[in-house]
Amino acid sequence: QTRDAAHIADVLADLAQVWPAGEKSAWNETLCTLLAELRPDVYGGWEAAQLTAALKPHPSITVRDVGRRIDGKQITRRGFTHAHLLAAITERNRKRSAD
């Protein structure tokens, strides 16, 4: 399957677009689902590990355990915070404007 490199390169903007409203942190698997809904041709089939790999070049984003209480049970999965996403976007934009 061919991937559109322009959209892969802008995964940060796509994440900002699909970030769940009001959430301080999100699971990678949830974000992969939302990304696939936004651009199925680019993100369709992505799993949490692929998103983690795509975020590696952005040191502002630290993928870590994110806990949620669902039906009274604590569930922990890999994810990151909205604040880290915004920091990565700010850093990327700063670097672009400096070039």
C-alpha atoms as a PDB file:
ATOM      1  CA  GLN A   1       0.000   0.000   0.000  1.00  0.00           C
ATOM      2  CA  THR A   2       1.363   3.399  -0.983  1.00  0.00           C
ATOM      3  CA  ARG A   3       1.569   6.018   1.746  1.00  0.00           C
ATOM      4  CA  ASP A   4       1.319   9.762   1.124  1.00  0.00           C
ATOM      5  CA  ALA A   5       4.647  11.012   2.479  1.00  0.00           C
ATOM      6  CA  ALA A   6       3.374  14.571   2.897  1.00  0.00           C
ATOM      7  CA  HIS A   7       0.762  13.463   5.413  1.00  0.00           C
ATOM      8  CA  ILE A   8       3.115  11.116   7.237  1.00  0.00           C
ATOM      9  CA  ALA A   9       5.527  14.020   7.636  1.00  0.00           C
ATOM     10  CA  ASP A  10       2.744  16.072   9.227  1.00  0.00           C
ATOM     11  CA  VAL A  11       1.555  13.511  11.745  1.00  0.00           C
ATOM     12  CA  LEU A  12       1.733  16.205  14.428  1.00  0.00           C
ATOM     13  CA  ALA A  13      -0.833  18.406  12.679  1.00  0.00           C
ATOM     14  CA  ASP A  14      -3.052  15.394  12.053  1.00  0.00           C
ATOM     15  CA  LEU A  15      -2.847  14.416  15.732  1.00  0.00           C
ATOM     16  CA  ALA A  16      -3.769  17.958  16.750  1.00  0.00           C
ATOM     17  CA  GLN A  17      -6.777  17.767  14.442  1.00  0.00           C
ATOM     18  CA  VAL A  18      -8.100  14.482  15.861  1.00  0.00           C
ATOM     19  CA  TRP A  19      -7.140  14.924  19.533  1.00  0.00           C
ATOM     20  CA  PRO A  20     -10.135  14.017  21.737  1.00  0.00           C
ATOM     21  CA  ALA A  21     -11.714  17.237  23.011  1.00  0.00           C
ATOM     22  CA  GLY A  22     -11.045  17.983  26.647  1.00  0.00           C
ATOM     23  CA  GLU A  23      -8.599  15.103  27.114  1.00  0.00           C
ATOM     24  CA  LYS A  24      -5.206  15.825  28.692  1.00  0.00           C
ATOM     25  CA  SER A  25      -3.778  12.500  27.522  1.00  0.00           C
ATOM     26  CA  ALA A  26      -4.748   9.808  25.046  1.00  0.00           C
ATOM     27  CA  TRP A  27      -3.860   6.229  24.247  1.00  0.00           C
ATOM     28  CA  ASN A  28      -1.888   5.593  21.081  1.00  0.00           C
ATOM     29  CA  GLU A  29      -4.429   3.017  19.935  1.00  0.00           C
ATOM     30  CA  THR A  30      -7.255   5.562  20.263  1.00  0.00           C
ATOM     31  CA  LEU A  31      -5.247   8.111  18.312  1.00  0.00           C
ATOM     32  CA  CYS A  32      -4.469   5.540  15.600  1.00  0.00           C
ATOM     33  CA  THR A  33      -8.189   4.898  15.171  1.00  0.00           C
ATOM     34  CA  LEU A  34      -8.891   8.626  14.908  1.00  0.00           C
ATOM     35  CA  LEU A  35      -6.009   9.154  12.480  1.00  0.00           C
ATOM     36  CA  ALA A  36      -7.289   6.300  10.301  1.00  0.00           C
ATOM     37  CA  GLU A  37     -10.738   7.928  10.229  1.00  0.00           C
ATOM     38  CA  LEU A  38      -9.142  11.229   9.184  1.00  0.00           C
ATOM     39  CA  ARG A  39      -6.835   9.806   6.486  1.00  0.00           C
ATOM     40  CA  PRO A  40      -7.438   6.107   5.882  1.00  0.00           C
ATOM     41  CA  ASP A  41      -5.055   6.114   2.922  1.00  0.00           C
ATOM     42  CA  VAL A  42      -2.202   7.238   5.180  1.00  0.00           C
ATOM     43  CA  TYR A  43      -2.953   5.819   8.620  1.00  0.00           C
ATOM     44  CA  GLY A  44      -5.209   2.851   7.882  1.00  0.00           C
ATOM     45  CA  GLY A  45      -3.817  -0.189   9.667  1.00  0.00           C
ATOM     46  CA  TRP A  46      -1.519   1.756  11.968  1.00  0.00           C
ATOM     47  CA  GLU A  47      -1.053   0.246  15.397  1.00  0.00           C
ATOM     48  CA  ALA A  48       0.192   1.869  18.590  1.00  0.00           C
ATOM     49  CA  ALA A  49       3.813   0.876  17.905  1.00  0.00           C
ATOM     50  CA  GLN A  50       3.757   2.588  14.512  1.00  0.00           C
ATOM     51  CA  LEU A  51       2.547   5.818  16.062  1.00  0.00           C
ATOM     52  CA  THR A  52       5.249   5.572  18.723  1.00  0.00           C
ATOM     53  CA  ALA A  53       7.861   5.138  15.986  1.00  0.00           C
ATOM     54  CA  ALA A  54       6.485   8.107  14.021  1.00  0.00           C
ATOM     55  CA  LEU A  55       6.802  10.279  17.145  1.00  0.00           C
ATOM     56  CA  LYS A  56      10.415   9.287  17.945  1.00  0.00           C
ATOM     57  CA  PRO A  57      11.894  12.260  16.028  1.00  0.00           C
ATOM     58  CA  HIS A  58       9.989  14.617  18.347  1.00  0.00           C
ATOM     59  CA  PRO A  59      11.757  14.646  21.725  1.00  0.00           C
ATOM     60  CA  SER A  60       9.003  16.787  23.269  1.00  0.00           C
ATOM     61  CA  ILE A  61       6.660  13.803  23.077  1.00  0.00           C
ATOM     62  CA  THR A  62       7.258  11.108  25.648  1.00  0.00           C
ATOM     63  CA  VAL A  63       5.183   8.004  25.081  1.00  0.00           C
ATOM     64  CA  ARG A  64       4.397   6.527  28.481  1.00  0.00           C
ATOM     65  CA  ASP A  65       1.768   4.581  30.356  1.00  0.00           C
ATOM     66  CA  VAL A  66      -1.580   6.387  30.442  1.00  0.00           C
ATOM     67  CA  GLY A  67      -4.201   5.115  32.860  1.00  0.00           C
ATOM     68  CA  ARG A  68      -7.963   5.353  32.523  1.00  0.00           C
ATOM     69  CA  ARG A  69     -10.753   4.119  34.729  1.00  0.00           C
ATOM     70  CA  ILE A  70     -13.289   2.198  32.634  1.00  0.00           C
ATOM     71  CA  ASP A  71     -16.284   0.554  34.283  1.00  0.00           C
ATOM     72  CA  GLY A  72     -14.549   0.915  37.637  1.00  0.00           C
ATOM     73  CA  LYS A  73     -11.347  -0.810  36.473  1.00  0.00           C
ATOM     74  CA  GLN A  74      -7.998   0.883  35.984  1.00  0.00           C
ATOM     75  CA  ILE A  75      -6.688   0.219  32.466  1.00  0.00           C
ATOM     76  CA  THR A  76      -3.227   1.337  31.387  1.00  0.00           C
ATOM     77  CA  ARG A  77      -1.988   1.585  27.812  1.00  0.00           C
ATOM     78  CA  ARG A  78       0.752   3.475  25.989  1.00  0.00           C
ATOM     79  CA  GLY A  79       0.009   7.103  25.123  1.00  0.00           C
ATOM     80  CA  PHE A  80       1.097  10.685  25.640  1.00  0.00           C
ATOM     81  CA  THR A  81      -0.178  14.079  26.709  1.00  0.00           C
ATOM     82  CA  HIS A  82      -1.760  16.878  24.722  1.00  0.00           C
ATOM     83  CA  ALA A  83       0.750  19.290  26.285  1.00  0.00           C
ATOM     84  CA  HIS A  84       3.614  17.235  24.825  1.00  0.00           C
ATOM     85  CA  LEU A  85       1.955  17.276  21.390  1.00  0.00           C
ATOM     86  CA  LEU A  86       1.575  21.057  21.527  1.00  0.00           C
ATOM     87  CA  ALA A  87       5.208  21.433  22.623  1.00  0.00           C
ATOM     88  CA  ALA A  88       6.366  19.296  19.685  1.00  0.00           C
ATOM     89  CA  ILE A  89       4.317  21.378  17.236  1.00  0.00           C
ATOM     90  CA  THR A  90       5.702  24.614  18.697  1.00  0.00           C
ATOM     91  CA  GLU A  91       9.263  23.286  18.463  1.00  0.00           C
ATOM     92  CA  ARG A  92       8.765  22.096  14.879  1.00  0.00           C
ATOM     93  CA  ASN A  93       7.271  25.441  13.842  1.00  0.00           C
ATOM     94  CA  ARG A  94      10.096  27.322  15.530  1.00  0.00           C
ATOM     95  CA  LYS A  95      12.667  25.260  13.626  1.00  0.00           C
ATOM     96  CA  ARG A  96      10.829  25.777  10.341  1.00  0.00           C
ATOM     97  CA  SER A  97      10.724  29.546  10.789  1.00  0.00           C
ATOM     98  CA  ALA A  98      14.433  29.603  11.634  1.00  0.00           C
ATOM     99  CA  ASP A  99      15.316  27.823   8.368  1.00  0.00           C
END
